[in-house]
Protein backbone atom coordinates (compact mmCIF):
# COMPACT_ATOMS: atom_id res chain seq x y z
CA MET A 1 85.21 75.44 -68.67
CA THR A 2 83.43 78.00 -66.58
CA GLU A 3 83.98 75.95 -63.44
CA PHE A 4 87.72 76.76 -63.66
CA TRP A 5 87.32 80.55 -63.74
CA PRO A 6 86.99 80.98 -59.97
CA GLU A 7 90.29 79.11 -59.53
CA SER A 8 91.93 81.27 -62.20
CA ASP A 9 90.57 84.43 -60.57
CA SER A 10 91.92 83.23 -57.23
CA ILE A 11 95.38 82.67 -58.73
CA ASN A 12 95.38 86.09 -60.42
CA SER A 13 94.23 87.72 -57.20
CA LEU A 14 96.99 85.96 -55.27
CA ASP A 15 99.59 87.09 -57.81
CA LEU A 16 98.24 90.63 -57.63
CA ASP A 17 98.45 90.66 -53.83
CA GLN A 18 102.01 89.34 -53.95
CA ASP A 19 103.01 91.96 -56.52
CA LEU A 20 101.38 94.67 -54.39
CA ASP A 21 103.15 93.47 -51.23
CA SER A 22 106.44 93.37 -53.11
CA ALA A 23 105.91 96.90 -54.46
CA ILE A 24 105.04 98.23 -51.01
CA SER A 25 108.06 96.50 -49.48
CA GLY A 26 110.30 97.92 -52.19
CA PHE A 27 108.91 101.41 -51.66
CA GLU A 28 109.42 101.15 -47.89
CA GLN A 29 113.05 100.10 -48.40
CA ILE A 30 113.63 103.01 -50.79
CA GLN A 31 112.02 105.42 -48.31
CA ALA A 32 114.15 104.01 -45.48
CA GLU A 33 117.30 104.52 -47.56
CA LEU A 34 116.29 108.10 -48.36
CA ASN A 35 115.56 108.85 -44.71
CA TYR A 36 118.89 107.33 -43.70
CA LYS A 37 120.78 109.37 -46.29
CA GLN A 38 119.02 112.53 -45.17
CA ALA A 39 119.93 111.80 -41.55
CA GLN A 40 123.59 111.29 -42.54
CA ASP A 41 123.69 114.57 -44.47
CA SER A 42 122.00 116.49 -41.65
CA LEU A 43 124.38 115.14 -39.02
CA ARG A 44 127.44 115.83 -41.20
CA ASP A 45 126.28 119.45 -41.59
CA LEU A 46 125.65 119.72 -37.86
CA VAL A 47 129.12 118.43 -36.94
CA ALA A 48 130.81 120.58 -39.61
CA ASN A 49 129.02 123.79 -38.58
CA LEU A 50 129.17 123.81 -34.80
CA ASP A 51 130.53 127.39 -34.87
CA LEU A 52 132.27 127.21 -31.51
CA SER A 53 135.20 129.32 -30.41
CA ARG A 54 138.10 127.76 -28.51
CA ARG A 55 136.67 129.04 -25.24
CA GLU A 56 133.20 127.74 -26.06
CA LYS A 57 134.61 124.29 -26.86
CA ALA A 58 136.25 124.10 -23.43
CA GLY A 59 134.24 121.77 -21.20
CA LEU A 60 132.12 120.51 -24.10
CA ASP A 61 134.49 117.74 -25.21
CA ALA A 62 132.11 114.95 -24.18
CA GLN A 63 129.12 116.42 -26.07
CA ILE A 64 131.19 117.14 -29.17
CA GLN A 65 132.61 113.61 -29.03
CA ASP A 66 129.06 112.24 -28.73
CA LEU A 67 128.09 114.04 -31.93
CA GLY A 68 131.13 112.55 -33.68
CA ASN A 69 130.19 109.11 -32.38
CA LEU A 70 126.66 109.53 -33.67
CA LEU A 71 127.96 110.41 -37.11
CA GLN A 72 130.22 107.35 -37.03
CA LYS A 73 127.22 105.28 -35.96
CA LEU A 74 125.32 106.41 -39.04
CA GLU A 75 128.31 105.91 -41.33
CA ASN A 76 128.74 102.32 -40.07
CA THR A 77 125.01 101.60 -39.72
CA CYS A 78 125.58 100.66 -36.10
CA ILE A 79 122.45 99.47 -34.29
CA GLN A 80 122.65 99.70 -30.49
CA ILE A 81 120.71 97.35 -28.22
CA ALA A 82 120.81 98.15 -24.50
CA ALA A 83 119.84 95.85 -21.63
CA PHE A 84 118.33 97.13 -18.37
CA GLY A 85 117.11 95.46 -15.21
CA MET A 86 117.68 94.91 -11.51
CA VAL A 87 120.73 93.20 -10.09
CA GLY A 88 120.60 89.42 -10.38
CA ARG A 89 118.09 89.28 -13.22
CA GLY A 90 120.72 88.08 -15.68
CA LYS A 91 121.24 91.07 -18.00
CA SER A 92 124.84 90.18 -18.69
CA SER A 93 123.98 86.51 -19.12
CA VAL A 94 121.31 87.34 -21.70
CA LEU A 95 123.78 89.45 -23.70
CA ASN A 96 126.47 86.76 -23.43
CA ALA A 97 123.96 84.23 -24.76
CA LEU A 98 123.21 86.52 -27.73
CA VAL A 99 126.91 87.00 -28.46
CA GLY A 100 127.64 83.32 -27.96
CA GLN A 101 130.58 83.84 -25.63
CA PRO A 102 131.22 85.30 -22.12
CA VAL A 103 131.96 88.90 -23.13
CA PHE A 104 130.01 90.64 -20.40
CA GLU A 105 131.04 90.35 -16.77
CA THR A 106 128.78 88.20 -14.61
CA GLY A 107 129.01 87.01 -11.02
CA ALA A 108 127.30 86.50 -7.70
CA LEU A 109 128.48 89.81 -6.25
CA HIS A 110 125.92 92.59 -5.97
CA GLY A 111 126.45 95.08 -8.75
CA VAL A 112 129.13 93.41 -10.88
CA THR A 113 128.38 95.76 -13.80
CA GLN A 114 129.45 99.18 -12.52
CA ASN A 115 129.58 100.99 -15.86
CA ALA A 116 128.04 100.52 -19.29
CA GLN A 117 129.78 97.68 -21.17
CA THR A 118 129.53 97.07 -24.90
CA ALA A 119 130.18 94.26 -27.35
CA HIS A 120 129.32 93.58 -30.99
CA TRP A 121 126.91 90.85 -32.03
CA GLN A 122 127.13 89.65 -35.59
CA PRO A 123 123.95 87.70 -36.43
CA PRO A 124 124.21 85.07 -39.21
CA SER A 125 123.81 86.52 -42.69
CA GLN A 126 123.69 83.37 -44.85
CA THR A 127 120.77 80.99 -45.28
CA HIS A 128 121.99 77.43 -44.72
CA SER A 129 118.64 75.79 -44.07
CA GLN A 130 115.04 76.79 -44.56
CA GLN A 131 114.26 75.14 -41.23
CA ASP A 132 116.97 77.09 -39.38
CA ILE A 133 115.12 80.39 -39.22
CA LEU A 134 118.01 82.11 -37.37
CA GLN A 135 120.05 82.00 -40.56
CA VAL A 136 117.68 84.24 -42.59
CA ALA A 137 119.51 87.14 -44.25
CA LEU A 138 118.55 90.67 -43.27
CA PRO A 139 118.67 92.86 -46.41
CA SER A 140 117.16 95.82 -44.59
CA ILE A 141 120.24 96.23 -42.39
CA GLY A 142 122.84 95.07 -44.91
CA ASN A 143 126.34 94.94 -43.43
CA SER A 144 125.34 96.79 -40.31
CA GLN A 145 126.96 96.33 -36.92
CA ILE A 146 124.86 95.37 -33.91
CA GLN A 147 126.24 96.68 -30.64
CA LEU A 148 125.00 95.20 -27.36
CA ILE A 149 125.19 97.42 -24.26
CA ASP A 150 125.03 96.21 -20.67
CA THR A 151 124.12 98.67 -17.90
CA PRO A 152 124.37 98.63 -14.10
CA GLY A 153 121.43 97.33 -12.09
CA ILE A 154 118.66 99.88 -11.62
CA ASP A 155 118.57 99.09 -7.88
CA GLU A 156 122.28 99.39 -7.15
CA VAL A 157 123.94 101.60 -4.57
CA ASP A 158 124.26 105.22 -5.72
CA GLY A 159 121.03 104.74 -7.59
CA GLU A 160 120.76 108.30 -8.91
CA THR A 161 124.05 107.97 -10.79
CA ARG A 162 123.10 104.55 -12.12
CA GLU A 163 119.67 105.79 -13.20
CA ALA A 164 121.21 108.78 -14.96
CA LEU A 165 123.61 106.46 -16.78
CA ALA A 166 120.78 104.12 -17.77
CA LEU A 167 118.64 106.96 -19.11
CA GLU A 168 121.61 108.40 -21.00
CA VAL A 169 122.24 105.02 -22.64
CA ALA A 170 118.51 104.71 -23.42
CA LYS A 171 118.62 107.98 -25.35
CA GLN A 172 121.30 106.63 -27.67
CA ALA A 173 120.07 103.04 -28.01
CA ASP A 174 117.84 101.90 -30.86
CA LEU A 175 116.25 98.93 -29.07
CA LEU A 176 115.81 98.36 -25.33
CA LEU A 177 115.74 95.01 -23.54
CA PHE A 178 114.26 95.04 -20.03
CA ILE A 179 115.26 91.88 -18.16
CA ILE A 180 113.16 90.37 -15.36
CA ALA A 181 113.36 86.94 -13.70
CA GLY A 182 109.88 86.46 -12.28
CA ASP A 183 106.90 88.58 -11.30
CA MET A 184 107.68 92.30 -11.54
CA THR A 185 108.49 94.45 -8.52
CA LYS A 186 107.35 98.04 -8.04
CA VAL A 187 110.88 99.30 -8.76
CA GLU A 188 110.97 97.34 -12.01
CA TYR A 189 107.59 98.66 -13.09
CA GLN A 190 108.62 102.26 -12.40
CA ALA A 191 111.88 101.84 -14.32
CA LEU A 192 110.06 100.15 -17.21
CA SER A 193 107.58 103.03 -17.36
CA GLN A 194 110.40 105.60 -17.45
CA LEU A 195 112.20 103.77 -20.24
CA ARG A 196 108.97 103.29 -22.16
CA ALA A 197 108.52 107.06 -22.13
CA SER A 198 111.67 107.35 -24.25
CA GLY A 199 109.61 106.11 -27.19
CA LYS A 200 112.14 103.45 -28.18
CA PRO A 201 111.19 99.92 -29.31
CA MET A 202 111.35 97.65 -26.28
CA LEU A 203 111.22 93.96 -25.42
CA LEU A 204 110.44 92.65 -21.95
CA VAL A 205 112.64 89.59 -21.44
CA PHE A 206 111.42 87.06 -18.84
CA ASN A 207 114.73 85.32 -17.99
CA LYS A 208 115.49 82.23 -15.86
CA ILE A 209 112.36 80.39 -16.90
CA ASP A 210 114.22 77.12 -16.28
CA GLN A 211 113.87 77.78 -12.55
CA TYR A 212 110.07 77.49 -12.66
CA PRO A 213 107.82 74.50 -13.29
CA ASP A 214 105.79 74.89 -16.47
CA ALA A 215 102.54 75.76 -14.69
CA ASP A 216 104.19 78.38 -12.46
CA ARG A 217 106.09 79.86 -15.40
CA MET A 218 102.93 80.30 -17.47
CA ALA A 219 101.04 81.71 -14.49
CA ILE A 220 103.75 84.35 -13.95
CA TYR A 221 103.85 85.11 -17.67
CA SER A 222 100.06 85.54 -17.82
CA LYS A 223 100.08 87.84 -14.79
CA ILE A 224 102.82 90.01 -16.27
CA ARG A 225 101.11 90.13 -19.67
CA ASP A 226 97.53 90.72 -18.49
CA GLU A 227 98.09 92.82 -15.35
CA ARG A 228 101.57 94.23 -14.85
CA VAL A 229 102.46 95.64 -18.28
CA LYS A 230 99.14 95.62 -20.09
CA GLU A 231 99.23 99.43 -20.49
CA LEU A 232 102.90 99.52 -21.50
CA LEU A 233 103.63 96.55 -23.76
CA SER A 234 101.81 94.22 -26.12
CA PRO A 235 102.06 90.41 -25.72
CA ALA A 236 104.29 90.35 -28.82
CA GLU A 237 106.85 92.45 -26.92
CA ILE A 238 107.29 89.88 -24.13
CA VAL A 239 109.79 87.06 -24.62
CA MET A 240 110.72 84.15 -22.31
CA VAL A 241 114.33 82.90 -22.18
CA ALA A 242 116.80 80.95 -20.08
CA ALA A 243 120.13 82.63 -20.76
CA SER A 244 122.17 80.44 -18.45
CA PRO A 245 119.98 77.46 -17.51
CA LEU A 246 120.92 74.88 -14.96
CA VAL A 247 120.28 71.31 -16.10
CA SER A 248 120.43 68.10 -14.13
CA VAL A 249 123.15 65.70 -15.30
CA ALA A 250 123.81 62.16 -14.08
CA VAL A 251 127.48 61.80 -13.11
CA ARG A 252 129.14 58.49 -12.16
CA SER A 253 131.47 58.88 -9.18
CA PRO A 254 134.78 56.97 -8.86
CA ASN A 255 133.12 54.41 -6.59
CA GLY A 256 130.58 53.61 -9.31
CA SER A 257 127.59 55.39 -7.77
CA ILE A 258 125.41 57.73 -9.82
CA GLN A 259 124.96 61.31 -8.64
CA VAL A 260 122.81 64.07 -10.09
CA LYS A 261 124.57 67.39 -10.47
CA ARG A 262 123.46 70.77 -11.80
CA ARG A 263 125.45 72.21 -14.68
CA ARG A 264 125.11 75.08 -17.10
CA GLY A 265 123.12 74.02 -20.13
CA LYS A 266 122.69 75.45 -23.60
CA PRO A 267 121.05 78.91 -23.52
CA GLN A 268 117.38 78.96 -24.50
CA ILE A 269 117.65 82.27 -26.32
CA ASP A 270 116.36 81.58 -29.84
CA ASP A 271 112.98 83.30 -29.35
CA LEU A 272 114.72 86.51 -28.29
CA LYS A 273 117.12 86.35 -31.23
CA LEU A 274 114.22 85.89 -33.61
CA LYS A 275 112.31 88.80 -32.11
CA ILE A 276 115.33 91.11 -32.32
CA LEU A 277 116.06 90.13 -35.90
CA GLU A 278 112.40 90.58 -36.79
CA ILE A 279 112.44 94.16 -35.46
CA LEU A 280 115.73 94.98 -37.19
CA HIS A 281 114.55 93.42 -40.44
CA ARG A 282 111.37 95.45 -40.32
CA GLU A 283 112.74 98.84 -39.28
CA GLY A 284 116.51 98.57 -38.76
CA LYS A 285 117.74 101.56 -40.76
CA SER A 286 114.72 103.68 -39.88
CA LEU A 287 115.40 102.98 -36.18
CA VAL A 288 119.02 104.06 -36.43
CA ALA A 289 118.24 107.20 -38.45
CA LEU A 290 115.38 108.35 -36.24
CA ASN A 291 117.03 107.63 -32.89
CA THR A 292 120.34 109.11 -33.96
CA MET A 293 118.75 112.35 -35.15
CA LEU A 294 116.58 112.66 -32.02
CA TYR A 295 119.62 112.28 -29.77
CA ALA A 296 121.72 114.52 -32.01
CA ASP A 297 119.04 117.22 -31.83
CA GLU A 298 119.08 117.06 -28.03
CA LEU A 299 122.88 117.22 -27.94
CA ASN A 300 122.90 120.13 -30.37
CA GLU A 301 120.34 122.00 -28.28
CA ASN A 302 122.53 121.54 -25.19
CA LEU A 303 125.58 122.74 -27.13
CA VAL A 304 123.72 125.79 -28.44
CA ASN A 305 122.42 126.65 -24.97
CA ARG A 306 125.92 126.32 -23.51
CA LYS A 307 127.40 128.35 -26.35
CA MET A 308 124.83 131.13 -25.91
CA LYS A 309 125.39 131.13 -22.13
CA ILE A 310 129.14 131.55 -22.62
CA ARG A 311 128.58 134.26 -25.23
CA ASP A 312 126.07 135.97 -22.97
CA ASP A 313 128.60 136.03 -20.11
CA SER A 314 131.29 137.41 -22.45
CA ALA A 315 128.85 139.97 -23.84
CA ASN A 316 127.97 141.14 -20.32
CA GLN A 317 131.67 141.67 -19.60
CA ILE A 318 132.10 143.64 -22.85
CA ILE A 319 129.05 145.79 -22.09
CA TRP A 320 130.10 146.56 -18.54
CA LYS A 321 133.65 147.37 -19.60
CA ALA A 322 132.25 149.78 -22.22
CA VAL A 323 129.88 151.33 -19.66
CA ILE A 324 132.68 152.06 -17.17
CA THR A 325 135.03 153.27 -19.92
CA LYS A 326 132.36 155.62 -21.26
CA ALA A 327 131.52 156.92 -17.78
CA PHE A 328 135.17 157.34 -16.80
CA VAL A 329 136.15 159.27 -19.93
CA ILE A 330 133.08 161.53 -19.71
CA ALA A 331 133.69 162.22 -16.03
CA LEU A 332 137.24 163.39 -16.75
CA ASN A 333 136.44 165.41 -19.87
CA PRO A 334 135.18 168.98 -19.28
CA VAL A 335 134.42 169.79 -22.94
CA THR A 336 130.77 169.28 -23.94
CA VAL A 337 131.27 168.38 -27.61
CA VAL A 338 134.06 165.98 -26.80
CA ASP A 339 131.77 164.28 -24.21
CA ILE A 340 129.16 163.54 -26.86
CA LEU A 341 131.71 162.33 -29.42
CA THR A 342 133.45 160.16 -26.82
CA ALA A 343 130.17 158.53 -25.81
CA THR A 344 129.39 157.77 -29.47
CA VAL A 345 132.84 156.29 -30.14
CA VAL A 346 132.64 154.00 -27.08
CA ASP A 347 129.16 152.82 -28.11
CA VAL A 348 130.30 152.08 -31.68
CA VAL A 349 133.36 150.15 -30.47
CA MET A 350 131.15 148.16 -28.08
CA ILE A 351 128.75 147.26 -30.92
CA LEU A 352 131.62 146.14 -33.16
CA THR A 353 133.13 144.04 -30.37
CA LEU A 354 129.80 142.37 -29.67
CA SER A 355 129.27 141.66 -33.38
CA ARG A 356 132.60 139.82 -33.51
CA LEU A 357 131.67 137.82 -30.41
CA TYR A 358 128.42 136.64 -32.02
CA GLY A 359 130.04 136.02 -35.40
CA ILE A 360 127.97 138.68 -37.19
CA PRO A 361 130.12 140.62 -39.72
CA MET A 362 129.63 144.36 -39.27
CA THR A 363 131.43 147.44 -40.58
CA GLU A 364 131.94 150.67 -38.65
CA GLN A 365 129.25 152.31 -40.77
CA GLY A 366 126.91 149.42 -40.00
CA ALA A 367 127.60 149.85 -36.27
CA ILE A 368 126.82 153.57 -36.50
CA GLN A 369 123.55 152.85 -38.32
CA LEU A 370 122.59 150.28 -35.69
CA LEU A 371 123.42 152.78 -32.94
CA GLN A 372 121.21 155.39 -34.62
CA LYS A 373 118.31 152.94 -34.88
CA ILE A 374 118.71 151.96 -31.22
CA ALA A 375 118.94 155.62 -30.13
CA MET A 376 115.78 156.49 -32.04
CA SER A 377 113.96 153.51 -30.55
CA MET A 378 115.19 154.36 -27.05
CA GLY A 379 113.42 157.72 -27.30
CA GLY A 380 113.44 159.30 -23.85
CA ILE A 381 116.69 157.78 -22.64
CA GLY A 382 118.61 159.03 -25.66
CA ALA A 383 117.17 162.54 -25.28
CA SER A 384 117.74 162.52 -21.52
CA GLU A 385 121.37 161.56 -22.00
CA LEU A 386 121.87 164.32 -24.58
CA LEU A 387 120.30 166.95 -22.29
CA ALA A 388 122.27 165.69 -19.33
CA ASN A 389 125.50 165.78 -21.29
CA LEU A 390 124.84 169.28 -22.62
CA GLY A 391 123.60 170.70 -19.29
CA LEU A 392 125.92 168.91 -16.92
CA SER A 393 128.93 169.29 -19.21
CA SER A 394 128.39 173.06 -19.28
CA LEU A 395 128.17 173.19 -15.50
CA LYS A 396 131.15 170.85 -15.21
CA SER A 397 133.16 173.09 -17.56
CA ILE A 398 132.40 176.18 -15.47
CA LEU A 399 133.33 174.42 -12.24
CA GLY A 400 136.51 173.05 -13.82
CA ILE A 401 137.59 176.50 -15.10
CA SER A 402 136.84 178.17 -11.75
CA ALA A 403 138.89 175.64 -9.78
CA PRO A 404 142.17 177.66 -9.96
CA VAL A 405 140.32 180.88 -9.01
CA THR A 406 138.51 179.27 -6.06
CA GLY A 407 141.61 177.54 -4.86
CA GLY A 408 140.16 174.12 -5.69
CA VAL A 409 136.93 174.66 -3.73
CA SER A 410 134.87 174.05 -6.88
CA LEU A 411 136.51 170.63 -7.45
CA ALA A 412 134.14 168.90 -5.01
CA PRO A 413 130.95 169.97 -6.83
CA TYR A 414 132.80 169.34 -10.11
CA MET A 415 133.39 165.70 -9.20
CA SER A 416 129.79 165.31 -8.04
CA VAL A 417 128.46 166.70 -11.32
CA ALA A 418 130.97 164.63 -13.31
CA ILE A 419 129.96 161.39 -11.61
CA THR A 420 126.27 162.16 -12.08
CA GLN A 421 126.75 162.97 -15.78
CA ALA A 422 128.93 159.89 -16.29
CA SER A 423 126.41 157.65 -14.51
CA VAL A 424 123.54 158.84 -16.73
CA ALA A 425 125.68 158.17 -19.80
CA GLY A 426 126.61 154.77 -18.36
CA VAL A 427 122.99 153.74 -17.92
CA SER A 428 122.31 154.69 -21.52
CA GLY A 429 125.37 152.73 -22.67
CA TYR A 430 124.21 149.72 -20.65
CA GLY A 431 120.82 149.84 -22.35
CA ILE A 432 122.43 150.14 -25.79
CA GLY A 433 124.66 147.16 -25.02
CA GLU A 434 121.78 144.95 -23.85
CA ILE A 435 119.71 145.83 -26.92
CA THR A 436 122.65 145.13 -29.25
CA LYS A 437 123.31 141.81 -27.51
CA THR A 438 119.70 140.73 -28.01
CA TYR A 439 119.72 141.83 -31.65
CA LEU A 440 122.93 139.90 -32.43
CA ALA A 441 121.93 136.80 -30.42
CA ASN A 442 118.84 136.60 -32.65
CA GLY A 443 121.04 136.49 -35.74
CA ALA A 444 121.03 140.27 -36.40
CA SER A 445 117.23 140.33 -36.37
CA TRP A 446 114.64 142.25 -34.40
CA GLY A 447 112.11 139.46 -34.87
CA GLU A 448 108.47 139.92 -35.74
CA ASP A 449 107.85 142.63 -33.12
CA GLY A 450 110.38 145.09 -34.56
CA PRO A 451 113.07 147.22 -32.88
CA LYS A 452 110.77 149.45 -30.80
CA ALA A 453 109.09 146.49 -29.09
CA VAL A 454 112.46 144.80 -28.40
CA VAL A 455 113.93 148.04 -27.01
CA ARG A 456 110.86 148.70 -24.86
CA ARG A 457 110.95 145.16 -23.43
CA ILE A 458 114.66 145.34 -22.58
CA LEU A 459 114.53 148.84 -21.07
CA SER A 460 111.54 147.93 -18.92
CA SER A 461 113.54 145.03 -17.46
CA LEU A 462 116.55 147.15 -16.51
CA ASP A 463 117.01 148.19 -12.88
CA GLU A 464 118.32 151.73 -13.43
CA THR A 465 118.80 152.40 -9.72
CA SER A 466 120.97 149.33 -9.30
CA ILE A 467 122.97 150.10 -12.46
CA LEU A 468 123.50 153.73 -11.38
CA HIS A 469 124.66 152.63 -7.94
CA ARG A 470 127.12 150.12 -9.42
CA ILE A 471 128.47 152.65 -11.95
CA LYS A 472 128.97 155.33 -9.30
CA GLY A 473 130.73 152.89 -7.00
CA GLU A 474 133.24 151.74 -9.64
CA LEU A 475 133.63 155.27 -11.00
CA ARG A 476 134.49 156.76 -7.60
CA ALA A 477 137.05 154.01 -7.05
CA ARG A 478 138.72 154.75 -10.40
CA LEU A 479 138.63 158.52 -9.96
CA SER A 480 140.15 158.26 -6.49
CA LYS A 481 143.09 156.36 -8.01
CA VAL A 482 143.54 159.12 -10.62
CA GLU A 483 143.47 161.81 -7.95
CA GLY A 484 145.92 159.85 -5.83
């Protein structure tokens, strides 16, 4: 009896290994589903919370549409496979062979594919024969759609545009096919290296193998595998196909003679189909979720940067308008107390306007408190403005009152003092505006450094001389219109 124990142990061990493999496979599928669901939820939240005004949306239609397309891609479990390669390598033919019909445009002309073309490939989902391996069901991708994308040749005219299009497609695609038709050129190697850097799964497809004798074909394959792409791809990522092979056929002519003609034969594409289905079976949903979120993150970053640039431009206009308004009113007002109150009111209104621009709710009391905190952090500038307002306003008042007595002679020094006082107040208002803008752009936060550090950094970057010169120039122009 003991002689049977080793066999029994072997059977139990085999069963245990199978159970373990099944458990691991089940766990991986559950994890893939969870990751996919998380990606869907994240993208839905991203699309629903873009927080863009009508002006900010202008010119961003393509990016916003791309985000919507990505969400639809996740909802439909759409897997995108993009083909790249030089002109004449048979990209379109390979995709047509996968689809099983001439969907993609092919031809002898240089650069037939001018723009990215797409079609859907529905691989078989029912098992009809254990020997027909192409019919194996793919439970990991369920009822997913497989979208094939053809791109222009990487060596076509207007190469920069074509390259940009290819790289843009590569960002969105889940699997890349790089088509060659013989030993690789330098251009092909460079393009392959760039696409490999995208981090996407890739297959190098050696097409048109029917045009080479067996020995030559294997020699080229070995050279590509062992020398050309050894640092970029593994042997398992290289597939040989004949998407549109030419076969010799004996044809009897009307006079009874036999002639040999070349005709299109059945595509030798099964190895590529198997490799694609193997990849999708192994990591289909994970591929879609990861690639979609990576591209969505890049799109969102571009949208946020554009949004903040537009808001920054609008904020600069608001700040400068407040600066000139503050300077203009102070220049015209001879009463000291009113000068100080006017400056405060303009600053508060500017802060409230900026808060609305950045979507940060703020009350008038909140704006006053923020102004106080900024003024305290500004230190010297706030004190200098107060002294300037008190001192120059007193002098301005005296000159203004004496104008009738002096027959208007004191108006010239009055205007000089008024412009100087207004310019000092304007510089202070500009600083307050820039600090407020930074605070609101950071989500109403001073960050880890605190308000004093933020204020110090912003004030040190301001060119007071340039600001003063600009304020005085615009102020003189406005005052001359008033006098006229």
